[in-house]
Protein backbone atom coordinates (compact mmCIF):
# COMPACT_ATOMS: atom_id res chain seq x y z
CA UNK A 1 -168.69 -70.52 157.49
CA UNK A 2 -169.75 -69.02 154.13
CA UNK A 3 -173.00 -70.16 152.61
CA UNK A 4 -173.58 -67.37 150.03
CA UNK A 5 -171.28 -67.06 147.04
CA UNK A 6 -169.81 -63.89 145.76
CA UNK A 7 -170.39 -63.15 142.10
CA UNK A 8 -167.35 -61.85 140.10
CA UNK A 9 -167.81 -60.37 136.68
CA UNK A 10 -164.77 -59.93 134.55
CA UNK A 11 -164.68 -57.81 131.37
CA UNK A 12 -161.56 -59.19 129.73
CA UNK A 13 -159.54 -57.34 127.07
CA UNK A 14 -156.12 -58.06 125.45
CA UNK A 15 -154.30 -55.65 127.93
CA UNK A 16 -156.71 -55.00 130.86
CA UNK A 17 -159.47 -56.60 132.85
CA UNK A 18 -162.22 -54.79 134.70
CA UNK A 19 -163.44 -56.75 137.69
CA UNK A 20 -166.71 -56.24 139.64
CA UNK A 21 -167.85 -58.31 142.60
CA UNK A 22 -171.05 -58.49 144.44
CA UNK A 23 -170.80 -59.98 147.89
CA UNK A 24 -173.55 -62.58 148.32
CA UNK A 25 -174.07 -61.65 152.05
CA UNK A 26 -173.72 -57.94 152.41
CA UNK A 27 -174.40 -56.87 148.74
CA UNK A 28 -171.20 -54.84 148.75
CA UNK A 29 -169.96 -54.00 145.32
CA UNK A 30 -166.19 -54.19 144.70
CA UNK A 31 -164.48 -52.74 141.60
CA UNK A 32 -160.95 -53.38 140.57
CA UNK A 33 -158.82 -52.76 137.32
CA UNK A 34 -156.31 -55.40 136.52
CA UNK A 35 -153.76 -56.26 133.91
CA UNK A 36 -154.68 -59.29 131.69
CA UNK A 37 -152.22 -61.53 133.59
CA UNK A 38 -153.72 -64.87 134.82
CA UNK A 39 -151.39 -64.87 137.89
CA UNK A 40 -152.57 -61.39 138.95
CA UNK A 41 -156.25 -62.23 138.26
CA UNK A 42 -155.88 -65.43 140.21
CA UNK A 43 -154.44 -63.84 143.21
CA UNK A 44 -157.18 -61.18 143.12
CA UNK A 45 -159.68 -63.97 143.13
CA UNK A 46 -157.96 -65.81 145.88
CA UNK A 47 -157.97 -62.55 148.01
CA UNK A 48 -161.57 -61.92 147.22
CA UNK A 49 -162.50 -65.53 148.26
CA UNK A 50 -160.68 -65.23 151.54
CA UNK A 51 -162.62 -62.08 152.56
CA UNK A 52 -166.01 -62.85 150.87
CA UNK A 53 -166.52 -66.51 150.57
CA UNK A 54 -166.56 -68.85 147.60
CA UNK A 55 -166.64 -67.14 144.17
CA UNK A 56 -168.74 -67.64 140.99
CA UNK A 57 -166.64 -66.10 138.27
CA UNK A 58 -168.12 -65.06 134.86
CA UNK A 59 -166.54 -63.51 131.75
CA UNK A 60 -167.78 -63.28 128.21
CA UNK A 61 -166.43 -65.51 125.49
CA UNK A 62 -164.26 -63.55 123.08
CA UNK A 63 -161.08 -63.37 121.16
CA UNK A 64 -159.04 -63.73 124.25
CA UNK A 65 -159.78 -67.37 124.40
CA UNK A 66 -160.29 -69.73 127.38
CA UNK A 67 -156.81 -69.63 129.03
CA UNK A 68 -158.07 -67.50 131.83
CA UNK A 69 -160.92 -69.83 132.55
CA UNK A 70 -158.52 -72.69 132.76
CA UNK A 71 -156.14 -70.89 135.06
CA UNK A 72 -159.06 -69.72 137.51
CA UNK A 73 -160.42 -73.28 137.41
CA UNK A 74 -156.98 -74.83 138.24
CA UNK A 75 -156.84 -72.38 141.16
CA UNK A 76 -159.92 -73.90 142.61
CA UNK A 77 -162.62 -71.39 141.51
CA UNK A 78 -165.91 -71.95 139.76
CA UNK A 79 -165.73 -70.29 136.37
CA UNK A 80 -168.25 -69.87 133.61
CA UNK A 81 -167.90 -68.30 130.30
CA UNK A 82 -171.11 -66.53 129.06
CA UNK A 83 -172.27 -66.57 125.47
CA UNK A 84 -172.21 -62.94 124.50
CA UNK A 85 -175.35 -63.34 122.28
CA UNK A 86 -177.36 -64.69 125.21
CA UNK A 87 -176.77 -61.93 127.69
CA UNK A 88 -179.71 -59.92 128.80
CA UNK A 89 -178.98 -56.21 128.33
CA UNK A 90 -181.17 -53.68 130.03
CA UNK A 91 -183.16 -51.49 127.47
CA UNK A 92 -181.74 -47.96 127.22
CA UNK A 93 -178.30 -49.12 128.51
CA UNK A 94 -176.18 -46.95 126.13
CA UNK A 95 -173.26 -46.17 128.30
CA UNK A 96 -171.06 -49.07 127.69
CA UNK A 97 -167.96 -49.14 129.92
CA UNK A 98 -165.73 -51.97 131.03
CA UNK A 99 -166.70 -51.31 134.65
CA UNK A 100 -170.47 -51.39 133.81
CA UNK A 101 -170.08 -54.55 131.62
CA UNK A 102 -168.21 -56.32 134.51
CA UNK A 103 -171.01 -55.26 136.94
CA UNK A 104 -173.65 -56.44 134.55
CA UNK A 105 -172.06 -59.94 134.38
CA UNK A 106 -171.87 -60.17 138.23
CA UNK A 107 -175.56 -59.03 138.48
CA UNK A 108 -176.70 -61.60 135.86
CA UNK A 109 -174.96 -64.30 137.64
CA UNK A 110 -176.53 -63.33 140.89
CA UNK A 111 -179.92 -63.54 139.18
CA UNK A 112 -178.99 -66.91 137.54
CA UNK A 113 -179.36 -65.47 134.01
CA UNK A 114 -176.07 -66.59 132.54
CA UNK A 115 -176.06 -69.03 129.62
CA UNK A 116 -172.64 -70.52 129.83
CA UNK A 117 -170.63 -72.09 126.93
CA UNK A 118 -168.52 -75.24 127.32
CA UNK A 119 -164.78 -74.42 127.94
CA UNK A 120 -162.86 -76.54 125.43
CA UNK A 121 -159.75 -78.39 126.34
CA UNK A 122 -156.28 -76.90 125.15
CA UNK A 123 -156.19 -79.45 122.32
CA UNK A 124 -159.74 -78.64 121.13
CA UNK A 125 -158.83 -74.90 121.21
CA UNK A 126 -155.65 -75.55 119.32
CA UNK A 127 -157.59 -77.50 116.66
CA UNK A 128 -160.13 -74.65 116.35
CA UNK A 129 -157.36 -72.12 115.95
CA UNK A 130 -155.63 -74.32 113.26
CA UNK A 131 -158.99 -74.55 111.35
CA UNK A 132 -159.45 -70.76 111.56
CA UNK A 133 -155.93 -70.09 110.31
CA UNK A 134 -156.43 -72.50 107.40
CA UNK A 135 -159.74 -70.72 106.48
CA UNK A 136 -158.05 -67.35 106.56
CA UNK A 137 -155.21 -68.57 104.37
CA UNK A 138 -157.66 -69.94 101.80
CA UNK A 139 -159.74 -66.77 101.84
CA UNK A 140 -156.46 -64.74 101.32
CA UNK A 141 -155.35 -66.96 98.33
CA UNK A 142 -158.90 -66.74 96.84
CA UNK A 143 -159.04 -63.01 96.97
CA UNK A 144 -155.40 -62.38 95.98
CA UNK A 145 -155.34 -60.41 92.68
CA UNK A 146 -153.62 -62.12 89.86
CA UNK A 147 -151.55 -59.08 88.58
CA UNK A 148 -150.17 -58.47 91.96
CA UNK A 149 -149.18 -62.08 92.49
CA UNK A 150 -147.59 -62.07 89.08
CA UNK A 151 -145.61 -59.04 90.03
CA UNK A 152 -144.36 -60.68 93.07
CA UNK A 153 -143.36 -63.93 91.21
CA UNK A 154 -141.71 -61.79 88.45
CA UNK A 155 -139.75 -59.95 91.11
CA UNK A 156 -138.71 -63.26 92.70
CA UNK A 157 -137.65 -64.51 89.23
CA UNK A 158 -135.67 -61.34 88.45
CA UNK A 159 -133.77 -61.67 91.76
CA UNK A 160 -132.58 -65.29 90.94
CA UNK A 161 -129.08 -65.48 89.56
């Protein structure tokens, strides 16, 4: 049936996802703008796989986490999360759009130039988030100014009966 894979690059943001796919057989480029809903993205990937063969899905690691990668993997797709610092950007590429970023990820996947990061389990990601929150709280406590905290404490004391 299908021997070539279709590369799908996703530029993921909090509210939207730009998708660009390159068909492995014909070289056809497919663009789509999606909402950041794992169900919608999985159904788009399923539709693409039915028409264009098996997928290799790539998106950049970032603040949105790894939930999308897990959802796509559970739907039966090959997913890799690229290390942003290891991506090869063409010199002189100054026009940075979501569509271009998604297409770049698909092209780099076709060329085999993606350096993937390991996708952590849900427990590992939760532990990382907890450590980051703790560090943020410690930094906030360290940088809090004394007079302001005394004013807050005095206000709390004044409101007590």
